[in-house]
């Protein structure tokens, strides 16, 4: 059995302390069930300087189904560096269409993010993907501000937290 999986393909994550140091390995499901802080990465794809890409989560997604989210979000694997996780997610979500992820900031775990300690990266998107069955939206600050004020329930908490923290657009 690999260090990434246990049992029936359950993803393992590192529970971390307030300084981000690993304390234990648990399933991602258990970390979310017990509200245990664990590491995750958000990669913000920017097709233009003043826009970011949002992707609609599947209706069957276990967390925040149907909401607009940053297009690349995932857990950091045990022993994996956050930069490597960002590159892995960028390559998976935008293969060959994006530049190298650049670290933006870190956001602490909170109830709004299911206790994920989020490392946020920005990545230049050379093209907007046209994957079959996926919904992708390029939004500017004004459009996202309107969504955040009037239609909060359409956005995943990570989008709201990142927008309100001022890290999605240059000059924030």
C-alpha atoms as a PDB file:
ATOM      1  CA  UNK A   1       0.000   0.000   0.000  1.00  0.00           C
ATOM      2  CA  UNK A   2       1.413   3.426  -0.913  1.00  0.00           C
ATOM      3  CA  UNK A   3       1.877   6.286   1.527  1.00  0.00           C
ATOM      4  CA  UNK A   4      -0.749   8.198  -0.453  1.00  0.00           C
ATOM      5  CA  UNK A   5      -3.585   5.753   0.002  1.00  0.00           C
ATOM      6  CA  UNK A   6      -5.027   3.368   2.537  1.00  0.00           C
ATOM      7  CA  UNK A   7      -8.009   1.062   2.597  1.00  0.00           C
ATOM      8  CA  UNK A   8     -10.396   1.693  -0.288  1.00  0.00           C
ATOM      9  CA  UNK A   9      -8.382   4.393  -2.060  1.00  0.00           C
ATOM     10  CA  UNK A  10      -8.800   6.899   0.753  1.00  0.00           C
ATOM     11  CA  UNK A  11      -6.596   9.951   0.290  1.00  0.00           C
ATOM     12  CA  UNK A  12      -4.225  10.547   3.203  1.00  0.00           C
ATOM     13  CA  UNK A  13      -3.366  14.024   4.470  1.00  0.00           C
ATOM     14  CA  UNK A  14      -1.040  15.360   7.128  1.00  0.00           C
ATOM     15  CA  UNK A  15      -2.734  16.936  10.131  1.00  0.00           C
ATOM     16  CA  UNK A  16      -0.660  20.025  10.969  1.00  0.00           C
ATOM     17  CA  UNK A  17      -0.111  22.256  13.977  1.00  0.00           C
ATOM     18  CA  UNK A  18      -0.498  26.053  13.929  1.00  0.00           C
ATOM     19  CA  UNK A  19       3.013  26.413  12.483  1.00  0.00           C
ATOM     20  CA  UNK A  20       2.211  23.968   9.658  1.00  0.00           C
ATOM     21  CA  UNK A  21       4.318  21.117  11.052  1.00  0.00           C
ATOM     22  CA  UNK A  22       2.948  17.606  10.404  1.00  0.00           C
ATOM     23  CA  UNK A  23       1.508  15.829  13.439  1.00  0.00           C
ATOM     24  CA  UNK A  24      -0.253  12.753  12.062  1.00  0.00           C
ATOM     25  CA  UNK A  25      -1.543  11.043   8.935  1.00  0.00           C
ATOM     26  CA  UNK A  26      -5.299  10.604   8.592  1.00  0.00           C
ATOM     27  CA  UNK A  27      -7.710  10.168   5.726  1.00  0.00           C
ATOM     28  CA  UNK A  28      -8.893  13.412   4.153  1.00  0.00           C
ATOM     29  CA  UNK A  29     -12.435  12.338   5.009  1.00  0.00           C
ATOM     30  CA  UNK A  30     -11.504  11.975   8.695  1.00  0.00           C
ATOM     31  CA  UNK A  31      -9.629  15.302   8.722  1.00  0.00           C
ATOM     32  CA  UNK A  32     -12.746  17.052   7.418  1.00  0.00           C
ATOM     33  CA  UNK A  33     -15.082  15.093   9.727  1.00  0.00           C
ATOM     34  CA  UNK A  34     -13.057  16.041  12.817  1.00  0.00           C
ATOM     35  CA  UNK A  35     -12.219  19.596  11.648  1.00  0.00           C
ATOM     36  CA  UNK A  36      -8.497  18.854  11.800  1.00  0.00           C
ATOM     37  CA  UNK A  37      -6.162  21.394  10.161  1.00  0.00           C
ATOM     38  CA  UNK A  38      -4.428  19.967   7.092  1.00  0.00           C
ATOM     39  CA  UNK A  39      -2.628  21.380   4.067  1.00  0.00           C
ATOM     40  CA  UNK A  40      -4.206  22.227   0.728  1.00  0.00           C
ATOM     41  CA  UNK A  41      -3.215  24.239  -2.326  1.00  0.00           C
ATOM     42  CA  UNK A  42      -5.183  26.673  -4.454  1.00  0.00           C
ATOM     43  CA  UNK A  43      -3.808  27.569  -7.866  1.00  0.00           C
ATOM     44  CA  UNK A  44      -5.311  30.758  -9.281  1.00  0.00           C
ATOM     45  CA  UNK A  45      -5.180  30.690 -13.075  1.00  0.00           C
ATOM     46  CA  UNK A  46      -5.060  34.127 -14.688  1.00  0.00           C
ATOM     47  CA  UNK A  47      -5.740  34.311 -18.444  1.00  0.00           C
ATOM     48  CA  UNK A  48      -5.152  38.068 -18.270  1.00  0.00           C
ATOM     49  CA  UNK A  49      -3.654  40.361 -15.650  1.00  0.00           C
ATOM     50  CA  UNK A  50      -7.072  41.531 -14.452  1.00  0.00           C
ATOM     51  CA  UNK A  51      -9.002  38.229 -14.646  1.00  0.00           C
ATOM     52  CA  UNK A  52      -9.064  34.886 -12.863  1.00  0.00           C
ATOM     53  CA  UNK A  53     -10.593  31.585 -13.920  1.00  0.00           C
ATOM     54  CA  UNK A  54     -13.355  29.954 -11.916  1.00  0.00           C
ATOM     55  CA  UNK A  55     -14.590  26.429 -12.495  1.00  0.00           C
ATOM     56  CA  UNK A  56     -17.947  25.022 -11.461  1.00  0.00           C
ATOM     57  CA  UNK A  57     -17.694  22.130  -9.017  1.00  0.00           C
ATOM     58  CA  UNK A  58     -19.605  19.007  -9.959  1.00  0.00           C
ATOM     59  CA  UNK A  59     -23.084  18.585  -8.515  1.00  0.00           C
ATOM     60  CA  UNK A  60     -21.794  15.343  -6.977  1.00  0.00           C
ATOM     61  CA  UNK A  61     -18.737  16.957  -5.307  1.00  0.00           C
ATOM     62  CA  UNK A  62     -18.565  16.096  -1.586  1.00  0.00           C
ATOM     63  CA  UNK A  63     -17.772  19.697  -0.606  1.00  0.00           C
ATOM     64  CA  UNK A  64     -19.591  22.738  -1.988  1.00  0.00           C
ATOM     65  CA  UNK A  65     -21.294  20.979  -4.936  1.00  0.00           C
ATOM     66  CA  UNK A  66     -22.261  23.179  -7.870  1.00  0.00           C
ATOM     67  CA  UNK A  67     -20.412  26.223  -6.582  1.00  0.00           C
ATOM     68  CA  UNK A  68     -17.849  28.241  -8.525  1.00  0.00           C
ATOM     69  CA  UNK A  69     -14.366  27.532  -7.239  1.00  0.00           C
ATOM     70  CA  UNK A  70     -10.798  28.228  -8.204  1.00  0.00           C
ATOM     71  CA  UNK A  71     -10.055  25.742 -10.950  1.00  0.00           C
ATOM     72  CA  UNK A  72      -7.196  23.896  -9.247  1.00  0.00           C
ATOM     73  CA  UNK A  73      -7.628  23.006  -5.619  1.00  0.00           C
ATOM     74  CA  UNK A  74      -6.442  19.946  -3.786  1.00  0.00           C
ATOM     75  CA  UNK A  75      -4.775  18.439  -0.772  1.00  0.00           C
ATOM     76  CA  UNK A  76      -1.025  18.352  -0.332  1.00  0.00           C
ATOM     77  CA  UNK A  77       0.152  14.751  -0.247  1.00  0.00           C
ATOM     78  CA  UNK A  78       2.089  13.446   2.773  1.00  0.00           C
ATOM     79  CA  UNK A  79       5.722  14.565   2.465  1.00  0.00           C
ATOM     80  CA  UNK A  80       4.983  16.728  -0.584  1.00  0.00           C
ATOM     81  CA  UNK A  81       6.135  20.351  -0.745  1.00  0.00           C
ATOM     82  CA  UNK A  82       3.374  22.888  -1.399  1.00  0.00           C
ATOM     83  CA  UNK A  83       5.219  24.118  -4.542  1.00  0.00           C
ATOM     84  CA  UNK A  84       5.234  20.554  -5.896  1.00  0.00           C
ATOM     85  CA  UNK A  85       1.529  20.180  -5.100  1.00  0.00           C
ATOM     86  CA  UNK A  86       0.810  23.436  -6.942  1.00  0.00           C
ATOM     87  CA  UNK A  87       2.738  22.240 -10.011  1.00  0.00           C
ATOM     88  CA  UNK A  88       0.951  18.855  -9.895  1.00  0.00           C
ATOM     89  CA  UNK A  89      -2.452  20.546  -9.784  1.00  0.00           C
ATOM     90  CA  UNK A  90      -1.555  23.062 -12.503  1.00  0.00           C
ATOM     91  CA  UNK A  91      -0.371  20.245 -14.769  1.00  0.00           C
ATOM     92  CA  UNK A  92      -3.489  18.167 -14.081  1.00  0.00           C
ATOM     93  CA  UNK A  93      -6.002  20.984 -14.603  1.00  0.00           C
ATOM     94  CA  UNK A  94      -4.271  22.910 -17.399  1.00  0.00           C
ATOM     95  CA  UNK A  95      -1.809  20.497 -19.037  1.00  0.00           C
ATOM     96  CA  UNK A  96       0.555  22.490 -21.228  1.00  0.00           C
ATOM     97  CA  UNK A  97      -1.625  25.609 -20.967  1.00  0.00           C
ATOM     98  CA  UNK A  98      -0.142  27.349 -17.935  1.00  0.00           C
ATOM     99  CA  UNK A  99       3.125  28.793 -16.736  1.00  0.00           C
ATOM    100  CA  UNK A 100       4.869  27.933 -13.483  1.00  0.00           C
ATOM    101  CA  UNK A 101       2.848  28.576 -10.310  1.00  0.00           C
ATOM    102  CA  UNK A 102       4.150  31.479  -8.192  1.00  0.00           C
ATOM    103  CA  UNK A 103       3.477  31.544  -4.452  1.00  0.00           C
ATOM    104  CA  UNK A 104       1.073  34.334  -3.447  1.00  0.00           C
ATOM    105  CA  UNK A 105       0.251  33.815   0.211  1.00  0.00           C
ATOM    106  CA  UNK A 106      -0.920  31.370   2.854  1.00  0.00           C
ATOM    107  CA  UNK A 107      -4.348  31.447   4.472  1.00  0.00           C
ATOM    108  CA  UNK A 108      -4.899  29.822   7.875  1.00  0.00           C
ATOM    109  CA  UNK A 109      -7.286  26.939   8.419  1.00  0.00           C
ATOM    110  CA  UNK A 110     -10.799  28.044   9.320  1.00  0.00           C
ATOM    111  CA  UNK A 111     -14.328  26.647   9.452  1.00  0.00           C
ATOM    112  CA  UNK A 112     -15.073  28.378   6.130  1.00  0.00           C
ATOM    113  CA  UNK A 113     -12.417  26.284   4.374  1.00  0.00           C
ATOM    114  CA  UNK A 114     -13.083  22.998   6.168  1.00  0.00           C
ATOM    115  CA  UNK A 115      -9.908  23.603   8.185  1.00  0.00           C
ATOM    116  CA  UNK A 116      -7.569  23.486   5.215  1.00  0.00           C
ATOM    117  CA  UNK A 117      -4.355  25.507   5.622  1.00  0.00           C
ATOM    118  CA  UNK A 118      -4.306  26.978   2.120  1.00  0.00           C
ATOM    119  CA  UNK A 119      -1.193  27.873   0.159  1.00  0.00           C
ATOM    120  CA  UNK A 120      -2.263  30.102  -2.707  1.00  0.00           C
ATOM    121  CA  UNK A 121      -0.330  30.227  -5.999  1.00  0.00           C
ATOM    122  CA  UNK A 122      -0.883  32.306  -9.139  1.00  0.00           C
ATOM    123  CA  UNK A 123      -0.311  30.838 -12.585  1.00  0.00           C
ATOM    124  CA  UNK A 124      -0.515  32.523 -15.988  1.00  0.00           C
ATOM    125  CA  UNK A 125      -3.031  30.686 -18.187  1.00  0.00           C
ATOM    126  CA  UNK A 126      -1.995  30.841 -21.823  1.00  0.00           C
ATOM    127  CA  UNK A 127      -5.405  29.535 -22.926  1.00  0.00           C
ATOM    128  CA  UNK A 128      -8.785  28.871 -21.369  1.00  0.00           C
ATOM    129  CA  UNK A 129      -9.396  25.112 -21.475  1.00  0.00           C
ATOM    130  CA  UNK A 130     -12.350  23.828 -23.445  1.00  0.00           C
ATOM    131  CA  UNK A 131     -12.764  20.458 -21.748  1.00  0.00           C
ATOM    132  CA  UNK A 132     -15.950  18.619 -22.577  1.00  0.00           C
ATOM    133  CA  UNK A 133     -18.523  18.901 -19.842  1.00  0.00           C
ATOM    134  CA  UNK A 134     -16.616  21.450 -17.770  1.00  0.00           C
ATOM    135  CA  UNK A 135     -17.742  24.964 -17.000  1.00  0.00           C
ATOM    136  CA  UNK A 136     -15.043  27.626 -16.794  1.00  0.00           C
ATOM    137  CA  UNK A 137     -15.570  31.342 -16.314  1.00  0.00           C
ATOM    138  CA  UNK A 138     -13.016  34.188 -16.572  1.00  0.00           C
ATOM    139  CA  UNK A 139     -14.012  37.007 -14.195  1.00  0.00           C
ATOM    140  CA  UNK A 140     -12.567  40.405 -13.402  1.00  0.00           C
ATOM    141  CA  UNK A 141     -12.562  42.139 -10.016  1.00  0.00           C
ATOM    142  CA  UNK A 142     -15.883  43.922 -10.667  1.00  0.00           C
ATOM    143  CA  UNK A 143     -17.758  40.758 -11.672  1.00  0.00           C
ATOM    144  CA  UNK A 144     -16.364  38.777  -8.743  1.00  0.00           C
ATOM    145  CA  UNK A 145     -17.175  41.622  -6.350  1.00  0.00           C
ATOM    146  CA  UNK A 146     -20.788  41.541  -7.546  1.00  0.00           C
ATOM    147  CA  UNK A 147     -20.957  37.758  -7.120  1.00  0.00           C
ATOM    148  CA  UNK A 148     -19.413  38.001  -3.638  1.00  0.00           C
ATOM    149  CA  UNK A 149     -21.890  40.683  -2.544  1.00  0.00           C
ATOM    150  CA  UNK A 150     -25.099  39.477  -4.174  1.00  0.00           C
ATOM    151  CA  UNK A 151     -24.661  35.746  -4.801  1.00  0.00           C
ATOM    152  CA  UNK A 152     -22.296  34.430  -2.102  1.00  0.00           C
ATOM    153  CA  UNK A 153     -23.978  31.038  -2.099  1.00  0.00           C
ATOM    154  CA  UNK A 154     -22.785  30.471  -5.690  1.00  0.00           C
ATOM    155  CA  UNK A 155     -19.110  30.710  -4.682  1.00  0.00           C
ATOM    156  CA  UNK A 156     -17.009  28.188  -2.778  1.00  0.00           C
ATOM    157  CA  UNK A 157     -15.709  29.530   0.556  1.00  0.00           C
ATOM    158  CA  UNK A 158     -12.112  29.460  -0.737  1.00  0.00           C
ATOM    159  CA  UNK A 159     -13.026  31.933  -3.485  1.00  0.00           C
ATOM    160  CA  UNK A 160     -14.698  34.266  -0.996  1.00  0.00           C
ATOM    161  CA  UNK A 161     -11.836  34.000   1.478  1.00  0.00           C
ATOM    162  CA  UNK A 162      -9.194  34.625  -1.204  1.00  0.00           C
ATOM    163  CA  UNK A 163     -11.178  37.520  -2.722  1.00  0.00           C
ATOM    164  CA  UNK A 164     -11.842  39.152   0.648  1.00  0.00           C
ATOM    165  CA  UNK A 165      -8.179  38.691   1.631  1.00  0.00           C
ATOM    166  CA  UNK A 166      -7.250  40.653  -1.510  1.00  0.00           C
ATOM    167  CA  UNK A 167      -5.045  38.023  -3.135  1.00  0.00           C
ATOM    168  CA  UNK A 168      -6.795  37.231  -6.413  1.00  0.00           C
ATOM    169  CA  UNK A 169      -5.932  40.317  -8.450  1.00  0.00           C
ATOM    170  CA  UNK A 170      -2.620  42.179  -8.867  1.00  0.00           C
ATOM    171  CA  UNK A 171      -2.494  45.362  -6.842  1.00  0.00           C
ATOM    172  CA  UNK A 172      -4.876  44.083  -4.141  1.00  0.00           C
END
